Structures are given as structure tokens and as C-alpha cells.
Amino acid sequence: KRRRGSVSSIPGAADAAAAAVRMVEEAGTSGLDAATLAARVTLPLSVLLETLRGREDVVAFGGEPVSLVSPRSLAALADTAEARLRDFHGTRRLEGGMPREELRRRVFARSPAGVFEAVLDGLARAGRARVSGETVALADHEVRLTPQEADVRASLLSAVRAAELGGV
């Protein structure tokens, strides 16, 4: 017996779900809000969400409205964030990390709510990034002085000690 209103009782629900997954994939890193997607595949929103629940080829974010993103797009965002951090460390190597909001603005500006935190969490769990407070850095990034900078630092410290300004 089939319950009235169940997904299996709606003709074409499986085909519509497959079409929905393709549309989410095509939407890329912007994802699609579930209400728009339900209208495009002509299924009631609740039926669409029930049909997509538990699938590994689509990830839901947020509450009202729910947004859907493909795992491939999440991986692309993670790779882009990592590349952006690499560029940041290359140009500003003496900073401990990139401000979180700068990374969000530069990489995740068009992504649905919740995606930024999920991707950062994934990067941290995979050992690819380090999140501390309001900054994000590649896991292997360290602030290091060049040998010339270290020599200048040592010279300055020696000059301060020689002038007996160390206690001031």
C-alpha cells in the first residue's frame, strides 16, 4: 500500500529529482534555493526535499529558504579558498592569516548561507587550513623572517640593548 501524499505516489518524482540534481550541479557555487528548484521541476517543495533527502549528490544548507549545492561545487570552493589563501600568504607572508570576512567576500560572495562555514570546517578537518579566531591560514603557513630580516632584527635589538633602552 502507498500512503497518499508520499513521494512514491507522485508520478515522475524520481525523474524530477534527477533533473533537480542536474540543475543544482549546473548552478555551480551559487547553488539554488529549493523553492525555485521545486518550481522548475514542477514538484511541491516538500516532495522535492523529501526526494532529495539522504542523497550524496546534493547538499542542503540553511533553513528558510533551504539552498542546495552540489558536492563538486563545494570541492571547487574549497580549492578556490585554498588558492586564495596561498596568494594571500605569498603577498603578505608576515601576517598570520587572512581575515575570515575577506576570504568570505572574495570567494563565497555568491554562495548560500552556511556554505562558507561548512567549507572552512572541511578544510580544517582535512588538515588543509587552520582557522583561529578571525583569521584563516593554510595549515603549513608560518610567519618567518628572511635571513636578511632576521639580521636587521638582531641589529636593532643589539642597538636597543647597547643604548640601554631595553627597560623603557
N, C-alpha and C. Protein backbone atom coordinates (compact mmCIF):
# COMPACT_ATOMS: atom_id res chain seq x y z
N LYS A 1 0.84 -1.19 0.00
CA LYS A 1 0.00 0.00 0.00
C LYS A 1 0.87 1.24 0.00
N ARG A 2 0.42 2.23 -0.69
CA ARG A 2 1.13 3.52 -0.72
C ARG A 2 0.31 4.54 0.02
N ARG A 3 1.01 5.29 0.87
CA ARG A 3 0.31 6.36 1.58
C ARG A 3 0.03 7.49 0.61
N ARG A 4 -1.09 8.09 0.80
CA ARG A 4 -1.45 9.23 -0.02
C ARG A 4 -0.49 10.37 0.32
N GLY A 5 0.09 11.03 -0.70
CA GLY A 5 0.99 12.16 -0.48
C GLY A 5 2.44 11.74 -0.32
N SER A 6 2.72 10.45 -0.40
CA SER A 6 4.12 10.04 -0.30
C SER A 6 4.82 10.29 -1.63
N VAL A 7 6.13 10.31 -1.60
CA VAL A 7 6.89 10.56 -2.82
C VAL A 7 6.60 9.49 -3.86
N SER A 8 6.51 8.26 -3.44
CA SER A 8 6.29 7.18 -4.40
C SER A 8 4.93 7.27 -5.08
N SER A 9 4.00 8.02 -4.52
CA SER A 9 2.68 8.15 -5.15
C SER A 9 2.62 9.28 -6.17
N ILE A 10 3.68 10.04 -6.29
CA ILE A 10 3.69 11.16 -7.24
C ILE A 10 4.38 10.69 -8.53
N PRO A 11 3.64 10.66 -9.63
CA PRO A 11 4.23 10.21 -10.88
C PRO A 11 5.39 11.12 -11.29
N GLY A 12 6.49 10.50 -11.69
CA GLY A 12 7.62 11.27 -12.19
C GLY A 12 8.48 11.91 -11.13
N ALA A 13 8.26 11.64 -9.85
CA ALA A 13 9.04 12.28 -8.79
C ALA A 13 10.52 11.91 -8.89
N ALA A 14 10.80 10.66 -9.21
CA ALA A 14 12.20 10.22 -9.33
C ALA A 14 12.88 10.93 -10.49
N ASP A 15 12.18 11.05 -11.62
CA ASP A 15 12.75 11.76 -12.78
C ASP A 15 12.95 13.23 -12.46
N ALA A 16 12.00 13.82 -11.75
CA ALA A 16 12.11 15.22 -11.38
C ALA A 16 13.28 15.43 -10.42
N ALA A 17 13.50 14.47 -9.53
CA ALA A 17 14.63 14.57 -8.60
C ALA A 17 15.94 14.50 -9.36
N ALA A 18 16.02 13.63 -10.35
CA ALA A 18 17.24 13.53 -11.16
C ALA A 18 17.48 14.84 -11.91
N ALA A 19 16.41 15.42 -12.44
CA ALA A 19 16.53 16.71 -13.13
C ALA A 19 16.97 17.79 -12.14
N ALA A 20 16.43 17.74 -10.92
CA ALA A 20 16.79 18.72 -9.90
C ALA A 20 18.27 18.63 -9.57
N VAL A 21 18.79 17.43 -9.44
CA VAL A 21 20.21 17.24 -9.15
C VAL A 21 21.06 17.83 -10.27
N ARG A 22 20.66 17.61 -11.51
CA ARG A 22 21.39 18.20 -12.65
C ARG A 22 21.37 19.72 -12.59
N MET A 23 20.22 20.28 -12.25
CA MET A 23 20.10 21.75 -12.17
C MET A 23 20.97 22.31 -11.05
N VAL A 24 21.02 21.62 -9.94
CA VAL A 24 21.87 22.06 -8.82
C VAL A 24 23.33 22.03 -9.26
N GLU A 25 23.71 20.98 -9.95
CA GLU A 25 25.09 20.87 -10.46
C GLU A 25 25.40 22.02 -11.42
N GLU A 26 24.47 22.32 -12.30
CA GLU A 26 24.66 23.40 -13.27
C GLU A 26 24.70 24.77 -12.61
N ALA A 27 24.06 24.92 -11.46
CA ALA A 27 24.05 26.21 -10.76
C ALA A 27 25.42 26.55 -10.20
N GLY A 28 26.28 25.56 -10.07
CA GLY A 28 27.64 25.80 -9.58
C GLY A 28 27.68 26.23 -8.13
N THR A 29 28.63 27.11 -7.84
CA THR A 29 28.87 27.51 -6.45
C THR A 29 27.79 28.42 -5.89
N SER A 30 26.91 28.92 -6.73
CA SER A 30 25.80 29.75 -6.25
C SER A 30 24.67 28.90 -5.70
N GLY A 31 24.61 27.66 -6.11
CA GLY A 31 23.54 26.78 -5.67
C GLY A 31 22.19 27.28 -6.13
N LEU A 32 21.15 26.62 -5.66
CA LEU A 32 19.78 27.00 -5.99
C LEU A 32 18.94 26.93 -4.73
N ASP A 33 18.03 27.88 -4.58
CA ASP A 33 17.13 27.76 -3.43
C ASP A 33 16.07 26.73 -3.79
N ALA A 34 15.66 25.97 -2.80
CA ALA A 34 14.79 24.81 -3.01
C ALA A 34 13.44 25.20 -3.60
N ALA A 35 12.90 26.35 -3.23
CA ALA A 35 11.59 26.77 -3.76
C ALA A 35 11.67 27.00 -5.27
N THR A 36 12.72 27.66 -5.72
CA THR A 36 12.91 27.90 -7.15
C THR A 36 13.08 26.58 -7.88
N LEU A 37 13.88 25.70 -7.29
CA LEU A 37 14.13 24.40 -7.89
C LEU A 37 12.83 23.59 -7.98
N ALA A 38 12.02 23.62 -6.93
CA ALA A 38 10.74 22.89 -6.95
C ALA A 38 9.84 23.41 -8.07
N ALA A 39 9.82 24.71 -8.25
CA ALA A 39 9.01 25.28 -9.33
C ALA A 39 9.54 24.84 -10.70
N ARG A 40 10.85 24.78 -10.84
CA ARG A 40 11.43 24.39 -12.14
C ARG A 40 11.15 22.94 -12.49
N VAL A 41 11.13 22.07 -11.49
CA VAL A 41 10.87 20.65 -11.77
C VAL A 41 9.41 20.28 -11.54
N THR A 42 8.61 21.26 -11.23
CA THR A 42 7.16 21.13 -11.01
C THR A 42 6.79 20.04 -10.00
N LEU A 43 7.43 20.12 -8.86
CA LEU A 43 7.08 19.27 -7.72
C LEU A 43 6.80 20.17 -6.54
N PRO A 44 5.91 19.76 -5.66
CA PRO A 44 5.73 20.53 -4.42
C PRO A 44 7.06 20.56 -3.66
N LEU A 45 7.34 21.66 -2.99
CA LEU A 45 8.60 21.82 -2.27
C LEU A 45 8.85 20.68 -1.29
N SER A 46 7.85 20.32 -0.52
CA SER A 46 8.02 19.26 0.48
C SER A 46 8.37 17.93 -0.18
N VAL A 47 7.77 17.65 -1.32
CA VAL A 47 8.05 16.40 -2.04
C VAL A 47 9.48 16.43 -2.58
N LEU A 48 9.89 17.55 -3.13
CA LEU A 48 11.25 17.66 -3.65
C LEU A 48 12.27 17.44 -2.53
N LEU A 49 12.07 18.12 -1.41
CA LEU A 49 13.03 17.98 -0.30
C LEU A 49 13.05 16.55 0.23
N GLU A 50 11.89 15.92 0.31
CA GLU A 50 11.84 14.53 0.77
C GLU A 50 12.56 13.61 -0.22
N THR A 51 12.39 13.87 -1.51
CA THR A 51 13.03 13.06 -2.54
C THR A 51 14.55 13.21 -2.51
N LEU A 52 15.03 14.41 -2.21
CA LEU A 52 16.48 14.67 -2.22
C LEU A 52 17.15 14.32 -0.90
N ARG A 53 16.37 14.17 0.17
CA ARG A 53 16.94 13.89 1.49
C ARG A 53 17.76 12.60 1.44
N GLY A 54 18.96 12.67 2.00
CA GLY A 54 19.82 11.50 2.09
C GLY A 54 20.66 11.22 0.86
N ARG A 55 20.46 11.97 -0.19
CA ARG A 55 21.27 11.76 -1.40
C ARG A 55 22.65 12.37 -1.19
N GLU A 56 23.64 11.75 -1.80
CA GLU A 56 25.01 12.24 -1.66
C GLU A 56 25.40 13.22 -2.77
N ASP A 57 24.54 13.39 -3.77
CA ASP A 57 24.88 14.26 -4.89
C ASP A 57 24.29 15.66 -4.76
N VAL A 58 23.74 15.97 -3.58
CA VAL A 58 23.22 17.30 -3.32
C VAL A 58 23.31 17.55 -1.81
N VAL A 59 23.68 18.79 -1.44
CA VAL A 59 23.83 19.14 -0.03
C VAL A 59 22.93 20.33 0.26
N ALA A 60 22.15 20.22 1.34
CA ALA A 60 21.21 21.29 1.71
C ALA A 60 21.84 22.19 2.77
N PHE A 61 21.61 23.50 2.64
CA PHE A 61 22.10 24.50 3.59
C PHE A 61 20.96 25.42 3.97
N GLY A 62 21.00 25.85 5.22
CA GLY A 62 20.05 26.86 5.70
C GLY A 62 18.71 26.25 6.07
N GLY A 63 17.84 27.14 6.51
CA GLY A 63 16.51 26.71 6.94
C GLY A 63 15.46 27.24 6.00
N GLU A 64 15.13 28.47 6.14
CA GLU A 64 14.12 29.10 5.28
C GLU A 64 14.75 30.26 4.55
N PRO A 65 15.01 30.19 3.33
CA PRO A 65 14.80 29.07 2.43
C PRO A 65 16.00 28.11 2.46
N VAL A 66 15.75 26.87 2.14
CA VAL A 66 16.80 25.87 2.00
C VAL A 66 17.49 26.12 0.67
N SER A 67 18.81 26.07 0.67
CA SER A 67 19.57 26.18 -0.57
C SER A 67 20.29 24.87 -0.81
N LEU A 68 20.43 24.51 -2.07
CA LEU A 68 21.04 23.24 -2.44
C LEU A 68 22.29 23.49 -3.28
N VAL A 69 23.35 22.76 -2.96
CA VAL A 69 24.63 22.90 -3.64
C VAL A 69 25.17 21.50 -3.90
N SER A 70 25.88 21.33 -4.99
CA SER A 70 26.46 20.02 -5.30
C SER A 70 27.79 19.84 -4.56
N PRO A 71 28.12 18.61 -4.21
CA PRO A 71 29.42 18.35 -3.58
C PRO A 71 30.59 18.80 -4.46
N ARG A 72 30.45 18.68 -5.76
CA ARG A 72 31.50 19.12 -6.69
C ARG A 72 31.74 20.63 -6.55
N SER A 73 30.66 21.39 -6.39
CA SER A 73 30.79 22.84 -6.20
C SER A 73 31.43 23.17 -4.86
N LEU A 74 31.11 22.39 -3.84
CA LEU A 74 31.75 22.60 -2.53
C LEU A 74 33.24 22.33 -2.62
N ALA A 75 33.62 21.29 -3.35
CA ALA A 75 35.04 20.98 -3.54
C ALA A 75 35.74 22.09 -4.32
N ALA A 76 35.05 22.63 -5.31
CA ALA A 76 35.62 23.74 -6.09
C ALA A 76 35.82 24.97 -5.21
N LEU A 77 34.86 25.25 -4.35
CA LEU A 77 35.00 26.38 -3.42
C LEU A 77 36.17 26.16 -2.47
N ALA A 78 36.34 24.94 -1.99
CA ALA A 78 37.46 24.63 -1.09
C ALA A 78 38.79 24.84 -1.81
N ASP A 79 38.88 24.40 -3.05
CA ASP A 79 40.12 24.58 -3.83
C ASP A 79 40.38 26.06 -4.09
N THR A 80 39.33 26.80 -4.41
CA THR A 80 39.48 28.24 -4.66
C THR A 80 39.91 28.97 -3.38
N ALA A 81 39.31 28.60 -2.25
CA ALA A 81 39.69 29.22 -0.98
C ALA A 81 41.15 28.93 -0.66
N GLU A 82 41.57 27.70 -0.90
CA GLU A 82 42.97 27.33 -0.65
C GLU A 82 43.91 28.13 -1.55
N ALA A 83 43.55 28.29 -2.81
CA ALA A 83 44.37 29.07 -3.74
C ALA A 83 44.43 30.53 -3.31
N ARG A 84 43.29 31.07 -2.86
CA ARG A 84 43.25 32.47 -2.41
C ARG A 84 44.13 32.65 -1.18
N LEU A 85 44.11 31.68 -0.27
CA LEU A 85 44.98 31.74 0.91
C LEU A 85 46.46 31.66 0.50
N ARG A 86 46.76 30.82 -0.46
CA ARG A 86 48.15 30.70 -0.94
C ARG A 86 48.62 32.04 -1.51
N ASP A 87 47.76 32.69 -2.30
CA ASP A 87 48.10 34.01 -2.85
C ASP A 87 48.29 35.02 -1.73
N PHE A 88 47.39 34.99 -0.75
CA PHE A 88 47.48 35.92 0.37
C PHE A 88 48.81 35.74 1.11
N HIS A 89 49.16 34.50 1.41
CA HIS A 89 50.42 34.24 2.13
C HIS A 89 51.63 34.64 1.28
N GLY A 90 51.50 34.53 -0.02
CA GLY A 90 52.60 34.92 -0.90
C GLY A 90 52.87 36.41 -0.89
N THR A 91 51.82 37.19 -0.80
CA THR A 91 51.99 38.65 -0.82
C THR A 91 52.08 39.27 0.57
N ARG A 92 51.54 38.58 1.56
CA ARG A 92 51.55 39.14 2.92
C ARG A 92 52.04 38.06 3.89
N ARG A 93 53.24 37.58 3.62
CA ARG A 93 53.78 36.43 4.33
C ARG A 93 54.04 36.65 5.81
N LEU A 94 54.13 37.90 6.25
CA LEU A 94 54.37 38.17 7.66
C LEU A 94 53.09 38.29 8.48
N GLU A 95 51.96 38.05 7.84
CA GLU A 95 50.69 38.04 8.57
C GLU A 95 50.32 36.60 8.88
N GLY A 96 49.76 36.40 10.05
CA GLY A 96 49.42 35.05 10.49
C GLY A 96 48.32 34.38 9.69
N GLY A 97 47.45 35.18 9.09
CA GLY A 97 46.36 34.60 8.31
C GLY A 97 45.52 35.68 7.67
N MET A 98 44.66 35.24 6.80
CA MET A 98 43.76 36.14 6.09
C MET A 98 42.51 36.36 6.95
N PRO A 99 42.03 37.59 7.03
CA PRO A 99 40.78 37.82 7.76
C PRO A 99 39.63 36.98 7.17
N ARG A 100 38.88 36.35 8.05
CA ARG A 100 37.78 35.47 7.62
C ARG A 100 36.83 36.18 6.67
N GLU A 101 36.45 37.40 7.03
CA GLU A 101 35.46 38.11 6.22
C GLU A 101 36.01 38.48 4.84
N GLU A 102 37.30 38.71 4.75
CA GLU A 102 37.90 38.97 3.44
C GLU A 102 37.81 37.72 2.57
N LEU A 103 38.12 36.57 3.15
CA LEU A 103 38.01 35.31 2.41
C LEU A 103 36.56 35.06 2.00
N ARG A 104 35.64 35.29 2.91
CA ARG A 104 34.21 35.11 2.60
C ARG A 104 33.80 36.00 1.43
N ARG A 105 34.22 37.25 1.50
CA ARG A 105 33.84 38.22 0.47
C ARG A 105 34.46 37.86 -0.89
N ARG A 106 35.70 37.42 -0.88
CA ARG A 106 36.40 37.16 -2.15
C ARG A 106 36.03 35.83 -2.80
N VAL A 107 35.70 34.83 -2.01
CA VAL A 107 35.45 33.50 -2.57
C VAL A 107 33.99 33.08 -2.47
N PHE A 108 33.31 33.44 -1.41
CA PHE A 108 31.98 32.90 -1.12
C PHE A 108 30.86 33.93 -1.27
N ALA A 109 31.11 35.03 -1.94
CA ALA A 109 30.13 36.12 -2.02
C ALA A 109 28.79 35.66 -2.59
N ARG A 110 28.80 34.74 -3.52
CA ARG A 110 27.55 34.32 -4.16
C ARG A 110 27.04 32.97 -3.67
N SER A 111 27.71 32.43 -2.68
CA SER A 111 27.32 31.12 -2.15
C SER A 111 26.22 31.28 -1.10
N PRO A 112 25.37 30.27 -0.97
CA PRO A 112 24.30 30.33 0.03
C PRO A 112 24.85 30.38 1.46
N ALA A 113 24.03 30.87 2.36
CA ALA A 113 24.40 30.93 3.77
C ALA A 113 24.75 29.53 4.27
N GLY A 114 25.78 29.45 5.07
CA GLY A 114 26.20 28.18 5.63
C GLY A 114 27.30 27.49 4.86
N VAL A 115 27.45 27.81 3.59
CA VAL A 115 28.46 27.15 2.77
C VAL A 115 29.87 27.54 3.23
N PHE A 116 30.07 28.81 3.51
CA PHE A 116 31.39 29.29 3.95
C PHE A 116 31.88 28.51 5.17
N GLU A 117 31.04 28.44 6.19
CA GLU A 117 31.43 27.74 7.42
C GLU A 117 31.65 26.26 7.17
N ALA A 118 30.81 25.65 6.35
CA ALA A 118 30.95 24.22 6.06
C ALA A 118 32.26 23.93 5.32
N VAL A 119 32.59 24.77 4.36
CA VAL A 119 33.84 24.56 3.60
C VAL A 119 35.05 24.79 4.50
N LEU A 120 35.02 25.86 5.31
CA LEU A 120 36.14 26.09 6.23
C LEU A 120 36.30 24.93 7.20
N ASP A 121 35.21 24.44 7.72
CA ASP A 121 35.26 23.31 8.63
C ASP A 121 35.87 22.09 7.94
N GLY A 122 35.47 21.85 6.71
CA GLY A 122 36.03 20.73 5.94
C GLY A 122 37.51 20.88 5.69
N LEU A 123 37.95 22.10 5.35
CA LEU A 123 39.38 22.35 5.13
C LEU A 123 40.17 22.12 6.41
N ALA A 124 39.62 22.57 7.53
CA ALA A 124 40.31 22.40 8.82
C ALA A 124 40.37 20.92 9.20
N ARG A 125 39.27 20.19 9.05
CA ARG A 125 39.25 18.77 9.39
C ARG A 125 40.20 17.96 8.50
N ALA A 126 40.36 18.39 7.25
CA ALA A 126 41.25 17.69 6.33
C ALA A 126 42.71 18.08 6.54
N GLY A 127 42.96 19.03 7.44
CA GLY A 127 44.33 19.47 7.69
C GLY A 127 44.89 20.36 6.60
N ARG A 128 44.00 20.97 5.81
CA ARG A 128 44.44 21.86 4.72
C ARG A 128 44.48 23.32 5.15
N ALA A 129 43.74 23.67 6.19
CA ALA A 129 43.69 25.06 6.65
C ALA A 129 43.61 25.09 8.17
N ARG A 130 43.95 26.24 8.70
CA ARG A 130 43.91 26.47 10.15
C ARG A 130 43.03 27.70 10.37
N VAL A 131 41.98 27.53 11.16
CA VAL A 131 41.07 28.63 11.47
C VAL A 131 41.28 29.00 12.92
N SER A 132 41.64 30.26 13.16
CA SER A 132 41.83 30.70 14.55
C SER A 132 41.27 32.10 14.70
N GLY A 133 40.23 32.18 15.51
CA GLY A 133 39.60 33.49 15.74
C GLY A 133 39.04 34.05 14.45
N GLU A 134 39.54 35.20 14.10
CA GLU A 134 39.05 35.90 12.92
C GLU A 134 39.95 35.75 11.70
N THR A 135 40.88 34.79 11.75
CA THR A 135 41.78 34.59 10.61
C THR A 135 41.76 33.14 10.15
N VAL A 136 42.14 32.97 8.89
CA VAL A 136 42.25 31.66 8.26
C VAL A 136 43.60 31.61 7.58
N ALA A 137 44.31 30.49 7.75
CA ALA A 137 45.62 30.33 7.12
C ALA A 137 45.73 28.91 6.58
N LEU A 138 46.61 28.73 5.62
CA LEU A 138 46.92 27.37 5.20
C LEU A 138 47.56 26.66 6.38
N ALA A 139 47.34 25.39 6.47
CA ALA A 139 47.82 24.62 7.63
C ALA A 139 49.34 24.69 7.78
N ASP A 140 50.05 24.79 6.68
CA ASP A 140 51.52 24.79 6.76
C ASP A 140 52.13 26.19 6.77
N HIS A 141 51.30 27.22 6.83
CA HIS A 141 51.84 28.59 6.82
C HIS A 141 52.43 28.96 8.18
N GLU A 142 53.63 29.52 8.14
CA GLU A 142 54.28 30.05 9.33
C GLU A 142 54.85 31.42 9.00
N VAL A 143 54.77 32.31 9.97
CA VAL A 143 55.38 33.63 9.79
C VAL A 143 56.87 33.45 10.05
N ARG A 144 57.67 33.71 9.02
CA ARG A 144 59.12 33.57 9.14
C ARG A 144 59.81 34.78 8.53
N LEU A 145 60.85 35.21 9.21
CA LEU A 145 61.68 36.29 8.67
C LEU A 145 62.70 35.70 7.70
N THR A 146 63.01 36.45 6.66
CA THR A 146 64.10 36.03 5.77
C THR A 146 65.41 36.20 6.55
N PRO A 147 66.48 35.59 6.10
CA PRO A 147 67.76 35.78 6.80
C PRO A 147 68.15 37.26 6.92
N GLN A 148 67.89 38.04 5.88
CA GLN A 148 68.21 39.46 5.93
C GLN A 148 67.36 40.17 6.98
N GLU A 149 66.07 39.84 7.04
CA GLU A 149 65.19 40.44 8.03
C GLU A 149 65.59 40.04 9.44
N ALA A 150 66.01 38.80 9.60
CA ALA A 150 66.46 38.33 10.91
C ALA A 150 67.73 39.08 11.34
N ASP A 151 68.63 39.35 10.39
CA ASP A 151 69.85 40.11 10.70
C ASP A 151 69.50 41.54 11.12
N VAL A 152 68.59 42.17 10.41
CA VAL A 152 68.17 43.54 10.76
C VAL A 152 67.53 43.54 12.15
N ARG A 153 66.69 42.55 12.42
CA ARG A 153 66.06 42.46 13.74
C ARG A 153 67.11 42.33 14.83
N ALA A 154 68.07 41.45 14.63
CA ALA A 154 69.13 41.26 15.62
C ALA A 154 69.94 42.54 15.82
N SER A 155 70.20 43.25 14.73
CA SER A 155 70.95 44.51 14.82
C SER A 155 70.17 45.55 15.62
N LEU A 156 68.88 45.64 15.36
CA LEU A 156 68.05 46.60 16.09
C LEU A 156 67.99 46.27 17.57
N LEU A 157 67.83 44.98 17.89
CA LEU A 157 67.81 44.59 19.30
C LEU A 157 69.14 44.88 19.98
N SER A 158 70.24 44.64 19.28
CA SER A 158 71.57 44.94 19.83
C SER A 158 71.72 46.43 20.08
N ALA A 159 71.25 47.24 19.14
CA ALA A 159 71.35 48.69 19.29
C ALA A 159 70.53 49.17 20.47
N VAL A 160 69.34 48.59 20.66
CA VAL A 160 68.50 48.96 21.81
C VAL A 160 69.19 48.58 23.11
N ARG A 161 69.73 47.40 23.16
CA ARG A 161 70.43 46.95 24.38
C ARG A 161 71.66 47.82 24.65
N ALA A 162 72.38 48.15 23.61
CA ALA A 162 73.59 48.96 23.76
C ALA A 162 73.25 50.35 24.27
N ALA A 163 72.10 50.87 23.87
CA ALA A 163 71.68 52.20 24.30
C ALA A 163 70.96 52.15 25.64
N GLU A 164 70.85 50.96 26.19
CA GLU A 164 70.16 50.72 27.46
C GLU A 164 68.73 51.23 27.44
N LEU A 165 68.07 50.96 26.31
CA LEU A 165 66.67 51.33 26.18
C LEU A 165 65.76 50.12 26.37
N GLY A 166 66.34 49.00 26.70
CA GLY A 166 65.58 47.76 26.84
C GLY A 166 64.49 47.83 27.89
N GLY A 167 64.66 48.60 28.96
CA GLY A 167 63.67 48.65 30.02
C GLY A 167 62.63 49.72 29.84
N VAL A 168 62.73 50.52 28.79
CA VAL A 168 61.81 51.62 28.61
C VAL A 168 60.55 51.16 27.93
